[in-house]
C-alpha atoms as a PDB file:
ATOM      1  CA  UNK A   1      -4.687 -18.297  41.376  1.00  0.00           C
ATOM      2  CA  UNK A   2      -1.629 -17.013  39.523  1.00  0.00           C
ATOM      3  CA  UNK A   3       1.233 -19.261  38.585  1.00  0.00           C
ATOM      4  CA  UNK A   4       4.488 -17.808  39.844  1.00  0.00           C
ATOM      5  CA  UNK A   5       7.598 -19.459  38.535  1.00  0.00           C
ATOM      6  CA  UNK A   6      10.425 -19.439  41.031  1.00  0.00           C
ATOM      7  CA  UNK A   7      13.840 -18.642  39.642  1.00  0.00           C
ATOM      8  CA  UNK A   8      16.864 -20.667  40.730  1.00  0.00           C
ATOM      9  CA  UNK A   9      18.541 -17.309  41.291  1.00  0.00           C
ATOM     10  CA  UNK A  10      15.825 -15.987  43.644  1.00  0.00           C
ATOM     11  CA  UNK A  11      15.142 -19.094  45.717  1.00  0.00           C
ATOM     12  CA  UNK A  12      17.670 -19.300  48.544  1.00  0.00           C
ATOM     13  CA  UNK A  13      19.212 -21.812  50.893  1.00  0.00           C
ATOM     14  CA  UNK A  14      20.413 -20.707  54.301  1.00  0.00           C
ATOM     15  CA  UNK A  15      23.232 -22.510  56.129  1.00  0.00           C
ATOM     16  CA  UNK A  16      24.039 -21.965  59.815  1.00  0.00           C
ATOM     17  CA  UNK A  17      27.417 -23.245  60.990  1.00  0.00           C
ATOM     18  CA  UNK A  18      28.457 -22.929  64.604  1.00  0.00           C
ATOM     19  CA  UNK A  19      31.091 -23.767  67.160  1.00  0.00           C
ATOM     20  CA  UNK A  20      29.620 -23.234  70.613  1.00  0.00           C
ATOM     21  CA  UNK A  21      31.455 -23.874  73.866  1.00  0.00           C
ATOM     22  CA  UNK A  22      30.482 -27.032  75.754  1.00  0.00           C
ATOM     23  CA  UNK A  23      32.863 -26.881  78.717  1.00  0.00           C
ATOM     24  CA  UNK A  24      30.411 -26.171  81.520  1.00  0.00           C
ATOM     25  CA  UNK A  25      26.947 -27.529  82.167  1.00  0.00           C
ATOM     26  CA  UNK A  26      25.521 -24.104  81.265  1.00  0.00           C
ATOM     27  CA  UNK A  27      27.474 -24.093  77.974  1.00  0.00           C
ATOM     28  CA  UNK A  28      26.078 -27.504  77.073  1.00  0.00           C
ATOM     29  CA  UNK A  29      22.550 -26.394  77.924  1.00  0.00           C
ATOM     30  CA  UNK A  30      22.907 -23.223  75.808  1.00  0.00           C
ATOM     31  CA  UNK A  31      24.304 -25.156  72.826  1.00  0.00           C
ATOM     32  CA  UNK A  32      21.501 -27.727  73.009  1.00  0.00           C
ATOM     33  CA  UNK A  33      18.899 -24.955  73.266  1.00  0.00           C
ATOM     34  CA  UNK A  34      20.357 -23.200  70.216  1.00  0.00           C
ATOM     35  CA  UNK A  35      20.172 -26.416  68.164  1.00  0.00           C
ATOM     36  CA  UNK A  36      16.583 -27.037  69.265  1.00  0.00           C
ATOM     37  CA  UNK A  37      15.597 -23.431  68.510  1.00  0.00           C
ATOM     38  CA  UNK A  38      16.970 -23.466  64.968  1.00  0.00           C
ATOM     39  CA  UNK A  39      15.252 -26.798  64.353  1.00  0.00           C
ATOM     40  CA  UNK A  40      11.972 -25.203  65.508  1.00  0.00           C
ATOM     41  CA  UNK A  41      12.649 -22.480  62.930  1.00  0.00           C
ATOM     42  CA  UNK A  42      12.672 -25.089  60.161  1.00  0.00           C
ATOM     43  CA  UNK A  43      16.377 -25.873  59.891  1.00  0.00           C
ATOM     44  CA  UNK A  44      17.544 -29.432  59.237  1.00  0.00           C
ATOM     45  CA  UNK A  45      20.785 -30.921  60.513  1.00  0.00           C
ATOM     46  CA  UNK A  46      23.320 -31.435  57.732  1.00  0.00           C
ATOM     47  CA  UNK A  47      26.159 -32.260  60.107  1.00  0.00           C
ATOM     48  CA  UNK A  48      26.273 -31.875  63.891  1.00  0.00           C
ATOM     49  CA  UNK A  49      27.084 -28.147  63.816  1.00  0.00           C
ATOM     50  CA  UNK A  50      25.798 -27.368  60.327  1.00  0.00           C
ATOM     51  CA  UNK A  51      22.111 -26.775  59.668  1.00  0.00           C
ATOM     52  CA  UNK A  52      20.283 -25.640  56.544  1.00  0.00           C
ATOM     53  CA  UNK A  53      16.848 -24.589  55.357  1.00  0.00           C
ATOM     54  CA  UNK A  54      15.080 -23.645  52.162  1.00  0.00           C
ATOM     55  CA  UNK A  55      13.857 -20.069  51.779  1.00  0.00           C
ATOM     56  CA  UNK A  56      11.552 -19.020  48.954  1.00  0.00           C
ATOM     57  CA  UNK A  57      12.946 -15.473  48.802  1.00  0.00           C
ATOM     58  CA  UNK A  58      15.608 -13.117  50.089  1.00  0.00           C
ATOM     59  CA  UNK A  59      12.956 -11.605  52.363  1.00  0.00           C
ATOM     60  CA  UNK A  60      12.522 -15.008  54.000  1.00  0.00           C
ATOM     61  CA  UNK A  61      16.303 -15.268  54.405  1.00  0.00           C
ATOM     62  CA  UNK A  62      16.318 -11.902  56.197  1.00  0.00           C
ATOM     63  CA  UNK A  63      13.577 -13.039  58.588  1.00  0.00           C
ATOM     64  CA  UNK A  64      15.464 -16.207  59.544  1.00  0.00           C
ATOM     65  CA  UNK A  65      18.776 -14.373  59.963  1.00  0.00           C
ATOM     66  CA  UNK A  66      17.071 -11.988  62.410  1.00  0.00           C
ATOM     67  CA  UNK A  67      15.680 -14.967  64.338  1.00  0.00           C
ATOM     68  CA  UNK A  68      19.111 -16.605  64.526  1.00  0.00           C
ATOM     69  CA  UNK A  69      20.672 -13.383  65.790  1.00  0.00           C
ATOM     70  CA  UNK A  70      17.967 -13.180  68.452  1.00  0.00           C
ATOM     71  CA  UNK A  71      18.612 -16.715  69.786  1.00  0.00           C
ATOM     72  CA  UNK A  72      22.405 -16.648  69.539  1.00  0.00           C
ATOM     73  CA  UNK A  73      24.134 -17.607  72.811  1.00  0.00           C
ATOM     74  CA  UNK A  74      26.521 -15.089  74.393  1.00  0.00           C
ATOM     75  CA  UNK A  75      29.614 -17.159  73.621  1.00  0.00           C
ATOM     76  CA  UNK A  76      30.728 -19.111  70.594  1.00  0.00           C
ATOM     77  CA  UNK A  77      31.005 -18.639  66.871  1.00  0.00           C
ATOM     78  CA  UNK A  78      28.112 -18.703  64.431  1.00  0.00           C
ATOM     79  CA  UNK A  79      28.399 -18.228  60.676  1.00  0.00           C
ATOM     80  CA  UNK A  80      25.458 -17.819  58.326  1.00  0.00           C
ATOM     81  CA  UNK A  81      25.759 -18.469  54.610  1.00  0.00           C
ATOM     82  CA  UNK A  82      23.008 -17.816  52.069  1.00  0.00           C
ATOM     83  CA  UNK A  83      23.255 -19.207  48.569  1.00  0.00           C
ATOM     84  CA  UNK A  84      20.918 -19.321  45.603  1.00  0.00           C
ATOM     85  CA  UNK A  85      19.206 -22.503  44.537  1.00  0.00           C
ATOM     86  CA  UNK A  86      21.400 -22.457  41.427  1.00  0.00           C
ATOM     87  CA  UNK A  87      24.547 -22.420  43.593  1.00  0.00           C
ATOM     88  CA  UNK A  88      23.061 -25.108  45.858  1.00  0.00           C
ATOM     89  CA  UNK A  89      22.593 -27.373  42.836  1.00  0.00           C
ATOM     90  CA  UNK A  90      26.385 -27.347  42.377  1.00  0.00           C
ATOM     91  CA  UNK A  91      27.014 -29.082  45.708  1.00  0.00           C
ATOM     92  CA  UNK A  92      28.654 -32.465  45.282  1.00  0.00           C
ATOM     93  CA  UNK A  93      27.709 -34.898  48.043  1.00  0.00           C
ATOM     94  CA  UNK A  94      29.596 -38.144  48.459  1.00  0.00           C
ATOM     95  CA  UNK A  95      27.916 -40.484  50.876  1.00  0.00           C
ATOM     96  CA  UNK A  96      29.578 -43.654  52.091  1.00  0.00           C
ATOM     97  CA  UNK A  97      27.712 -46.759  53.088  1.00  0.00           C
ATOM     98  CA  UNK A  98      25.840 -46.571  56.347  1.00  0.00           C
ATOM     99  CA  UNK A  99      27.377 -48.531  59.167  1.00  0.00           C
ATOM    100  CA  UNK A 100      25.312 -51.395  60.483  1.00  0.00           C
ATOM    101  CA  UNK A 101      24.809 -51.268  64.225  1.00  0.00           C
ATOM    102  CA  UNK A 102      26.441 -53.919  66.384  1.00  0.00           C
ATOM    103  CA  UNK A 103      28.694 -55.004  63.541  1.00  0.00           C
ATOM    104  CA  UNK A 104      32.359 -55.532  64.286  1.00  0.00           C
ATOM    105  CA  UNK A 105      34.652 -53.338  62.247  1.00  0.00           C
ATOM    106  CA  UNK A 106      38.032 -54.690  61.110  1.00  0.00           C
ATOM    107  CA  UNK A 107      41.014 -53.118  62.797  1.00  0.00           C
ATOM    108  CA  UNK A 108      43.870 -51.858  60.645  1.00  0.00           C
ATOM    109  CA  UNK A 109      47.134 -53.159  62.095  1.00  0.00           C
ATOM    110  CA  UNK A 110      50.327 -51.216  61.617  1.00  0.00           C
ATOM    111  CA  UNK A 111      53.619 -53.026  61.391  1.00  0.00           C
ATOM    112  CA  UNK A 112      56.944 -51.275  61.813  1.00  0.00           C
END
């Protein structure tokens, strides 16, 4: 078996960002189906309308972009962003504390 070293400039990350209509029952069904379909294709939710996945090559990116285009609903906006692993490593994530369920949150009062 040969050892192939992956370059941070060849390994890719694919982001899918979307804003799909959810006005009618059909819209909601189509949006939910799109989310389920991209999850079946290996994407992970980053935020509610932002999903991402690792791709070992640009060829893999092309395959997944074709799949996304094939399952895209008729209405709405979908953006696809591909970045190298090197660019991905520059992302700065700031995560706050997780909220505990059933815990009362203080209310900020405003005085005039």
